[in-house]
Amino acid sequence: MKVLIVDDNEDITGLLSRFLKAKGFENVVSNDPKKGLEQIKEKKYDVVLLDMAMPDFSGIDIIETLEKEQILKDQKIVIFSATAFTDSQINDLLKKDGIHGCLKKPIQLSELLTAIAN
């Protein structure tokens, strides 16, 4: 299984990458959201872990771009964020084809594995 991690925080991506490798998951990291978007468009990943709160170009921007280009539905994206989204905002995102889960930071590693497996 191949996982793409898109988050501007290198500490978080480093920890997630090491954890996933230890669990047998191949993974790629992008700390630049625009490059992350290009990677999503260029390659097929089994799961994309997408941080929502990134400066300049957010996870929402990535989702909206994929939606406009009609390729969001072909993705399996698990969103995560430390920022407080309302239940309504989260539910609206989860209704979109291609969004398969939402995790709140700090991420519980057992929840991460469950989200990837589903």
C-alpha atoms as a PDB file:
ATOM      1  CA  MET A   1       0.000   0.000   0.000  1.00  0.00           C
ATOM      2  CA  LYS A   2       1.341   3.424  -0.993  1.00  0.00           C
ATOM      3  CA  VAL A   3       0.527   6.471   1.160  1.00  0.00           C
ATOM      4  CA  LEU A   4       1.112  10.153   0.376  1.00  0.00           C
ATOM      5  CA  ILE A   5       1.476  12.464   3.389  1.00  0.00           C
ATOM      6  CA  VAL A   6       0.856  16.170   2.690  1.00  0.00           C
ATOM      7  CA  ASP A   7       1.607  18.431   5.653  1.00  0.00           C
ATOM      8  CA  ASP A   8       3.757  21.556   5.959  1.00  0.00           C
ATOM      9  CA  ASN A   9       5.103  20.439   9.369  1.00  0.00           C
ATOM     10  CA  GLU A  10       8.267  18.398   8.805  1.00  0.00           C
ATOM     11  CA  ASP A  11       8.235  17.041  12.363  1.00  0.00           C
ATOM     12  CA  ILE A  12       4.784  15.544  11.811  1.00  0.00           C
ATOM     13  CA  THR A  13       5.555  14.137   8.370  1.00  0.00           C
ATOM     14  CA  GLY A  14       8.811  12.648   9.650  1.00  0.00           C
ATOM     15  CA  LEU A  15       7.074  10.887  12.531  1.00  0.00           C
ATOM     16  CA  LEU A  16       4.184   9.661  10.361  1.00  0.00           C
ATOM     17  CA  SER A  17       6.580   8.446   7.672  1.00  0.00           C
ATOM     18  CA  ARG A  18       8.714   6.466  10.130  1.00  0.00           C
ATOM     19  CA  PHE A  19       5.629   5.001  11.821  1.00  0.00           C
ATOM     20  CA  LEU A  20       4.068   3.932   8.512  1.00  0.00           C
ATOM     21  CA  LYS A  21       7.345   2.404   7.266  1.00  0.00           C
ATOM     22  CA  ALA A  22       7.613   0.439  10.531  1.00  0.00           C
ATOM     23  CA  LYS A  23       4.089  -0.874   9.881  1.00  0.00           C
ATOM     24  CA  GLY A  24       5.025  -1.924   6.336  1.00  0.00           C
ATOM     25  CA  PHE A  25       3.473   0.952   4.374  1.00  0.00           C
ATOM     26  CA  GLU A  26       5.378   2.529   1.506  1.00  0.00           C
ATOM     27  CA  ASN A  27       4.993   6.298   1.793  1.00  0.00           C
ATOM     28  CA  VAL A  28       5.948   9.574   0.187  1.00  0.00           C
ATOM     29  CA  VAL A  29       6.047  12.929   1.980  1.00  0.00           C
ATOM     30  CA  SER A  30       5.304  16.390   0.642  1.00  0.00           C
ATOM     31  CA  ASN A  31       5.856  19.361   2.924  1.00  0.00           C
ATOM     32  CA  ASP A  32       4.774  21.726   0.142  1.00  0.00           C
ATOM     33  CA  PRO A  33       1.007  21.614  -0.481  1.00  0.00           C
ATOM     34  CA  LYS A  34       1.265  22.688  -4.138  1.00  0.00           C
ATOM     35  CA  LYS A  35       3.792  19.924  -4.818  1.00  0.00           C
ATOM     36  CA  GLY A  36       1.533  17.555  -2.898  1.00  0.00           C
ATOM     37  CA  LEU A  37      -1.331  18.457  -5.225  1.00  0.00           C
ATOM     38  CA  GLU A  38       0.867  17.728  -8.253  1.00  0.00           C
ATOM     39  CA  GLN A  39       1.850  14.358  -6.765  1.00  0.00           C
ATOM     40  CA  ILE A  40      -1.822  13.470  -6.251  1.00  0.00           C
ATOM     41  CA  LYS A  41      -2.531  14.370  -9.881  1.00  0.00           C
ATOM     42  CA  GLU A  42       0.510  12.549 -11.304  1.00  0.00           C
ATOM     43  CA  LYS A  43       0.463   9.265  -9.374  1.00  0.00           C
ATOM     44  CA  LYS A  44      -2.096   6.949  -7.848  1.00  0.00           C
ATOM     45  CA  TYR A  45      -1.824   6.529  -4.090  1.00  0.00           C
ATOM     46  CA  ASP A  46      -3.841   4.069  -2.054  1.00  0.00           C
ATOM     47  CA  VAL A  47      -4.354   6.757   0.594  1.00  0.00           C
ATOM     48  CA  VAL A  48      -3.570  10.472   0.863  1.00  0.00           C
ATOM     49  CA  LEU A  49      -3.153  11.894   4.384  1.00  0.00           C
ATOM     50  CA  LEU A  50      -3.942  15.578   3.960  1.00  0.00           C
ATOM     51  CA  ASP A  51      -3.417  18.336   6.507  1.00  0.00           C
ATOM     52  CA  MET A  52      -6.120  20.964   6.233  1.00  0.00           C
ATOM     53  CA  ALA A  53      -4.348  23.949   7.810  1.00  0.00           C
ATOM     54  CA  MET A  54      -1.333  24.928   5.714  1.00  0.00           C
ATOM     55  CA  PRO A  55      -0.290  28.503   4.927  1.00  0.00           C
ATOM     56  CA  ASP A  56      -0.841  29.944   1.440  1.00  0.00           C
ATOM     57  CA  PHE A  57      -2.403  26.772  -0.011  1.00  0.00           C
ATOM     58  CA  SER A  58      -4.540  24.715   2.361  1.00  0.00           C
ATOM     59  CA  GLY A  59      -5.988  21.237   2.296  1.00  0.00           C
ATOM     60  CA  ILE A  60      -9.299  22.844   1.338  1.00  0.00           C
ATOM     61  CA  ASP A  61      -7.567  24.408  -1.696  1.00  0.00           C
ATOM     62  CA  ILE A  62      -6.250  20.976  -2.690  1.00  0.00           C
ATOM     63  CA  ILE A  63      -9.693  19.372  -2.308  1.00  0.00           C
ATOM     64  CA  GLU A  64     -11.379  22.169  -4.291  1.00  0.00           C
ATOM     65  CA  THR A  65      -8.801  21.866  -7.084  1.00  0.00           C
ATOM     66  CA  LEU A  66      -9.247  18.095  -7.306  1.00  0.00           C
ATOM     67  CA  GLU A  67     -13.019  18.586  -7.299  1.00  0.00           C
ATOM     68  CA  LYS A  68     -12.871  21.185 -10.120  1.00  0.00           C
ATOM     69  CA  GLU A  69     -10.698  18.849 -12.175  1.00  0.00           C
ATOM     70  CA  GLN A  70     -13.150  16.013 -11.442  1.00  0.00           C
ATOM     71  CA  ILE A  71     -10.499  13.744  -9.925  1.00  0.00           C
ATOM     72  CA  LEU A  72     -11.448  14.033  -6.249  1.00  0.00           C
ATOM     73  CA  LYS A  73     -13.825  11.069  -6.555  1.00  0.00           C
ATOM     74  CA  ASP A  74     -10.904   8.865  -7.662  1.00  0.00           C
ATOM     75  CA  GLN A  75      -8.960   9.518  -4.442  1.00  0.00           C
ATOM     76  CA  LYS A  76      -8.970   8.065  -0.949  1.00  0.00           C
ATOM     77  CA  ILE A  77      -8.177  11.094   1.205  1.00  0.00           C
ATOM     78  CA  VAL A  78      -8.049  11.144   4.987  1.00  0.00           C
ATOM     79  CA  ILE A  79      -8.014  14.715   6.236  1.00  0.00           C
ATOM     80  CA  PHE A  80      -6.456  15.839   9.503  1.00  0.00           C
ATOM     81  CA  SER A  81      -5.967  19.090  11.326  1.00  0.00           C
ATOM     82  CA  ALA A  82      -5.225  20.654  14.674  1.00  0.00           C
ATOM     83  CA  THR A  83      -7.572  23.528  13.930  1.00  0.00           C
ATOM     84  CA  ALA A  84     -11.106  23.387  15.186  1.00  0.00           C
ATOM     85  CA  PHE A  85     -13.466  22.545  12.379  1.00  0.00           C
ATOM     86  CA  THR A  86     -17.126  22.522  13.230  1.00  0.00           C
ATOM     87  CA  ASP A  87     -18.987  19.229  12.988  1.00  0.00           C
ATOM     88  CA  SER A  88     -20.904  20.756  10.103  1.00  0.00           C
ATOM     89  CA  GLN A  89     -17.719  21.588   8.177  1.00  0.00           C
ATOM     90  CA  ILE A  90     -16.323  18.095   8.756  1.00  0.00           C
ATOM     91  CA  ASN A  91     -19.602  16.451   7.720  1.00  0.00           C
ATOM     92  CA  ASP A  92     -19.693  18.566   4.539  1.00  0.00           C
ATOM     93  CA  LEU A  93     -16.171  17.415   3.653  1.00  0.00           C
ATOM     94  CA  LEU A  94     -16.960  13.776   4.443  1.00  0.00           C
ATOM     95  CA  LYS A  95     -19.922  13.900   2.048  1.00  0.00           C
ATOM     96  CA  LYS A  96     -17.560  14.516  -0.872  1.00  0.00           C
ATOM     97  CA  ASP A  97     -16.615  11.481  -2.929  1.00  0.00           C
ATOM     98  CA  GLY A  98     -12.923  10.894  -2.318  1.00  0.00           C
ATOM     99  CA  ILE A  99     -12.857  12.025   1.332  1.00  0.00           C
ATOM    100  CA  HIS A 100     -12.807   8.899   3.475  1.00  0.00           C
ATOM    101  CA  GLY A 101     -12.114  10.088   6.988  1.00  0.00           C
ATOM    102  CA  CYS A 102     -11.113  12.849   9.354  1.00  0.00           C
ATOM    103  CA  LEU A 103      -8.549  12.692  12.153  1.00  0.00           C
ATOM    104  CA  LYS A 104      -7.842  15.402  14.686  1.00  0.00           C
ATOM    105  CA  LYS A 105      -4.287  16.280  15.728  1.00  0.00           C
ATOM    106  CA  PRO A 106      -2.653  15.015  17.766  1.00  0.00           C
ATOM    107  CA  ILE A 107      -3.340  11.895  15.745  1.00  0.00           C
ATOM    108  CA  GLN A 108      -3.847   8.651  17.611  1.00  0.00           C
ATOM    109  CA  LEU A 109      -1.738   6.113  15.736  1.00  0.00           C
ATOM    110  CA  SER A 110      -4.327   3.345  16.167  1.00  0.00           C
ATOM    111  CA  GLU A 111      -6.944   5.643  14.573  1.00  0.00           C
ATOM    112  CA  LEU A 112      -4.533   6.410  11.738  1.00  0.00           C
ATOM    113  CA  LEU A 113      -4.102   2.712  10.955  1.00  0.00           C
ATOM    114  CA  THR A 114      -7.882   2.206  11.051  1.00  0.00           C
ATOM    115  CA  ALA A 115      -8.448   5.160   8.696  1.00  0.00           C
ATOM    116  CA  ILE A 116      -5.862   3.854   6.226  1.00  0.00           C
ATOM    117  CA  ALA A 117      -7.281   0.330   6.289  1.00  0.00           C
ATOM    118  CA  ASN A 118     -10.911   1.402   5.686  1.00  0.00           C
END
